[in-house]
Amino acid sequence: MIGIFIVLRAMLQFSPDSDFDVAGYNIHHLFTGLLLIVAGGIPLALFPGRSLRTDAASVAFGAGLGMALDEWVYLIATDGSNASYLLPVSLRGGLAMVSLATLYVVVLYMVSRNRR
């Protein structure tokens, strides 16, 4: 989640006009992230335990979550343009959301560790 956030921010800082367009529609990485969250989250919910497949599902889920959280504040607080993605509100919003999600993971990990 953190890694994909850093990679996305770096890539789009250097090439802000990189758009993913399908049939004339601009597909923000929020939507790609949601697809990865679904692709990774459903197997994690249905198949308990650790395996290569659930590890891959975890990676997909984390990458999708990083993509979605990066754009959440940006799409709410700006006009959604490429120039707006580079504004401080977009970066701060992405940092805040990824930080909150990371804190949530840490808290849940600590709670699960204490139960063992």
C-alpha atoms as a PDB file:
ATOM      1  CA  MET A   1       0.000   0.000   0.000  1.00  0.00           C
ATOM      2  CA  ILE A   2       2.735   2.429   0.991  1.00  0.00           C
ATOM      3  CA  GLY A   3       4.994   1.311  -1.849  1.00  0.00           C
ATOM      4  CA  ILE A   4       2.374   1.799  -4.553  1.00  0.00           C
ATOM      5  CA  PHE A   5       1.538   5.231  -3.115  1.00  0.00           C
ATOM      6  CA  ILE A   6       5.194   6.277  -3.371  1.00  0.00           C
ATOM      7  CA  VAL A   7       5.604   4.829  -6.868  1.00  0.00           C
ATOM      8  CA  LEU A   8       2.416   6.486  -8.162  1.00  0.00           C
ATOM      9  CA  ARG A   9       3.305   9.854  -6.693  1.00  0.00           C
ATOM     10  CA  ALA A  10       6.832   9.712  -8.127  1.00  0.00           C
ATOM     11  CA  MET A  11       5.683   8.612 -11.582  1.00  0.00           C
ATOM     12  CA  LEU A  12       2.923  11.184 -11.819  1.00  0.00           C
ATOM     13  CA  GLN A  13       5.160  13.948 -10.454  1.00  0.00           C
ATOM     14  CA  PHE A  14       7.537  13.412 -13.369  1.00  0.00           C
ATOM     15  CA  SER A  15       4.806  12.753 -15.947  1.00  0.00           C
ATOM     16  CA  PRO A  16       1.595  14.435 -14.730  1.00  0.00           C
ATOM     17  CA  ASP A  17      -0.221  14.121 -18.052  1.00  0.00           C
ATOM     18  CA  SER A  18      -0.070  10.312 -18.114  1.00  0.00           C
ATOM     19  CA  ASP A  19      -3.692   9.321 -18.492  1.00  0.00           C
ATOM     20  CA  PHE A  20      -5.274   5.883 -18.799  1.00  0.00           C
ATOM     21  CA  ASP A  21      -8.116   6.355 -21.272  1.00  0.00           C
ATOM     22  CA  VAL A  22     -10.578   3.675 -22.342  1.00  0.00           C
ATOM     23  CA  ALA A  23     -13.118   4.462 -25.078  1.00  0.00           C
ATOM     24  CA  GLY A  24     -12.699   8.184 -24.444  1.00  0.00           C
ATOM     25  CA  TYR A  25     -13.071   7.920 -20.657  1.00  0.00           C
ATOM     26  CA  ASN A  26     -10.277   8.889 -18.278  1.00  0.00           C
ATOM     27  CA  ILE A  27      -9.888   6.055 -15.781  1.00  0.00           C
ATOM     28  CA  HIS A  28      -8.353   7.394 -12.570  1.00  0.00           C
ATOM     29  CA  HIS A  29      -6.222   4.996 -10.552  1.00  0.00           C
ATOM     30  CA  LEU A  30      -8.914   5.105  -7.858  1.00  0.00           C
ATOM     31  CA  PHE A  31     -11.055   2.899 -10.084  1.00  0.00           C
ATOM     32  CA  THR A  32      -8.207   0.571 -11.039  1.00  0.00           C
ATOM     33  CA  GLY A  33      -7.451   0.333  -7.321  1.00  0.00           C
ATOM     34  CA  LEU A  34     -11.035  -0.641  -6.540  1.00  0.00           C
ATOM     35  CA  LEU A  35     -10.799  -3.509  -9.033  1.00  0.00           C
ATOM     36  CA  LEU A  36      -7.602  -4.709  -7.328  1.00  0.00           C
ATOM     37  CA  ILE A  37      -9.261  -4.413  -3.899  1.00  0.00           C
ATOM     38  CA  VAL A  38     -12.099  -6.645  -5.109  1.00  0.00           C
ATOM     39  CA  ALA A  39      -9.727  -9.086  -6.842  1.00  0.00           C
ATOM     40  CA  GLY A  40      -7.575  -9.386  -3.716  1.00  0.00           C
ATOM     41  CA  GLY A  41     -10.113  -8.897  -0.940  1.00  0.00           C
ATOM     42  CA  ILE A  42     -12.676 -11.516  -1.897  1.00  0.00           C
ATOM     43  CA  PRO A  43     -10.185 -14.425  -1.925  1.00  0.00           C
ATOM     44  CA  LEU A  44      -8.778 -13.204   1.395  1.00  0.00           C
ATOM     45  CA  ALA A  45     -12.258 -13.253   2.896  1.00  0.00           C
ATOM     46  CA  LEU A  46     -13.143 -16.685   1.501  1.00  0.00           C
ATOM     47  CA  PHE A  47      -9.909 -18.658   1.859  1.00  0.00           C
ATOM     48  CA  PRO A  48      -8.359 -18.654   5.333  1.00  0.00           C
ATOM     49  CA  GLY A  49      -4.717 -19.443   5.975  1.00  0.00           C
ATOM     50  CA  ARG A  50      -1.515 -18.574   4.205  1.00  0.00           C
ATOM     51  CA  SER A  51      -0.539 -19.763   0.764  1.00  0.00           C
ATOM     52  CA  LEU A  52       1.084 -18.360  -2.338  1.00  0.00           C
ATOM     53  CA  ARG A  53      -2.387 -17.460  -3.629  1.00  0.00           C
ATOM     54  CA  THR A  54      -3.452 -15.601  -0.501  1.00  0.00           C
ATOM     55  CA  ASP A  55      -0.086 -13.822  -0.431  1.00  0.00           C
ATOM     56  CA  ALA A  56      -0.720 -12.690  -4.036  1.00  0.00           C
ATOM     57  CA  ALA A  57      -4.232 -11.627  -3.055  1.00  0.00           C
ATOM     58  CA  SER A  58      -2.762  -9.586  -0.183  1.00  0.00           C
ATOM     59  CA  VAL A  59      -0.387  -7.831  -2.569  1.00  0.00           C
ATOM     60  CA  ALA A  60      -3.252  -7.053  -4.966  1.00  0.00           C
ATOM     61  CA  PHE A  61      -5.409  -5.797  -2.096  1.00  0.00           C
ATOM     62  CA  GLY A  62      -2.639  -3.578  -0.699  1.00  0.00           C
ATOM     63  CA  ALA A  63      -1.736  -2.165  -4.105  1.00  0.00           C
ATOM     64  CA  GLY A  64      -5.382  -1.421  -4.863  1.00  0.00           C
ATOM     65  CA  LEU A  65      -5.874   0.193  -1.477  1.00  0.00           C
ATOM     66  CA  GLY A  66      -2.835   2.405  -2.013  1.00  0.00           C
ATOM     67  CA  MET A  67      -4.171   3.467  -5.421  1.00  0.00           C
ATOM     68  CA  ALA A  68      -7.662   4.200  -4.133  1.00  0.00           C
ATOM     69  CA  LEU A  69      -6.585   6.065  -1.007  1.00  0.00           C
ATOM     70  CA  ASP A  70      -4.127   8.184  -2.998  1.00  0.00           C
ATOM     71  CA  GLU A  71      -6.937   9.680  -5.090  1.00  0.00           C
ATOM     72  CA  TRP A  72      -9.730   9.814  -2.547  1.00  0.00           C
ATOM     73  CA  VAL A  73      -9.133  13.351  -1.206  1.00  0.00           C
ATOM     74  CA  TYR A  74      -7.850  14.551  -4.599  1.00  0.00           C
ATOM     75  CA  LEU A  75     -11.121  13.703  -6.346  1.00  0.00           C
ATOM     76  CA  ILE A  76     -13.226  15.194  -3.540  1.00  0.00           C
ATOM     77  CA  ALA A  77     -11.273  18.413  -2.909  1.00  0.00           C
ATOM     78  CA  THR A  78     -10.154  19.353  -6.444  1.00  0.00           C
ATOM     79  CA  ASP A  79     -11.553  19.518  -9.956  1.00  0.00           C
ATOM     80  CA  GLY A  80      -9.872  16.187 -10.825  1.00  0.00           C
ATOM     81  CA  SER A  81      -7.501  17.672 -13.397  1.00  0.00           C
ATOM     82  CA  ASN A  82      -3.928  16.546 -13.919  1.00  0.00           C
ATOM     83  CA  ALA A  83      -2.683  19.903 -12.619  1.00  0.00           C
ATOM     84  CA  SER A  84      -4.753  19.512  -9.439  1.00  0.00           C
ATOM     85  CA  TYR A  85      -3.118  16.158  -8.711  1.00  0.00           C
ATOM     86  CA  LEU A  86       0.126  18.057  -8.141  1.00  0.00           C
ATOM     87  CA  LEU A  87      -1.414  20.466  -5.616  1.00  0.00           C
ATOM     88  CA  PRO A  88      -0.419  20.230  -1.936  1.00  0.00           C
ATOM     89  CA  VAL A  89      -3.996  19.331  -0.918  1.00  0.00           C
ATOM     90  CA  SER A  90      -3.787  16.235  -3.099  1.00  0.00           C
ATOM     91  CA  LEU A  91      -0.459  15.110  -1.670  1.00  0.00           C
ATOM     92  CA  ARG A  92      -1.468  15.855   1.926  1.00  0.00           C
ATOM     93  CA  GLY A  93      -4.788  14.079   1.444  1.00  0.00           C
ATOM     94  CA  GLY A  94      -3.107  11.011   0.002  1.00  0.00           C
ATOM     95  CA  LEU A  95      -0.525  10.986   2.783  1.00  0.00           C
ATOM     96  CA  ALA A  96      -3.230  11.351   5.425  1.00  0.00           C
ATOM     97  CA  MET A  97      -5.374   8.531   4.041  1.00  0.00           C
ATOM     98  CA  VAL A  98      -2.476   6.097   3.544  1.00  0.00           C
ATOM     99  CA  SER A  99      -1.143   6.996   7.003  1.00  0.00           C
ATOM    100  CA  LEU A 100      -4.529   6.350   8.628  1.00  0.00           C
ATOM    101  CA  ALA A 101      -4.842   3.016   6.840  1.00  0.00           C
ATOM    102  CA  THR A 102      -1.307   2.073   7.907  1.00  0.00           C
ATOM    103  CA  LEU A 103      -2.096   3.024  11.508  1.00  0.00           C
ATOM    104  CA  TYR A 104      -5.240   0.882  11.313  1.00  0.00           C
ATOM    105  CA  VAL A 105      -3.181  -2.092  10.106  1.00  0.00           C
ATOM    106  CA  VAL A 106      -0.694  -1.611  12.951  1.00  0.00           C
ATOM    107  CA  VAL A 107      -3.461  -1.378  15.566  1.00  0.00           C
ATOM    108  CA  LEU A 108      -5.183  -4.498  14.244  1.00  0.00           C
ATOM    109  CA  TYR A 109      -1.877  -6.349  14.165  1.00  0.00           C
ATOM    110  CA  MET A 110      -1.162  -5.392  17.787  1.00  0.00           C
ATOM    111  CA  VAL A 111      -4.648  -6.475  18.892  1.00  0.00           C
ATOM    112  CA  SER A 112      -4.331  -9.824  17.107  1.00  0.00           C
ATOM    113  CA  ARG A 113      -0.868 -10.346  18.595  1.00  0.00           C
ATOM    114  CA  ASN A 114      -2.152  -9.710  22.113  1.00  0.00           C
ATOM    115  CA  ARG A 115      -4.920 -12.288  21.663  1.00  0.00           C
ATOM    116  CA  ARG A 116      -2.426 -15.085  20.965  1.00  0.00           C
END
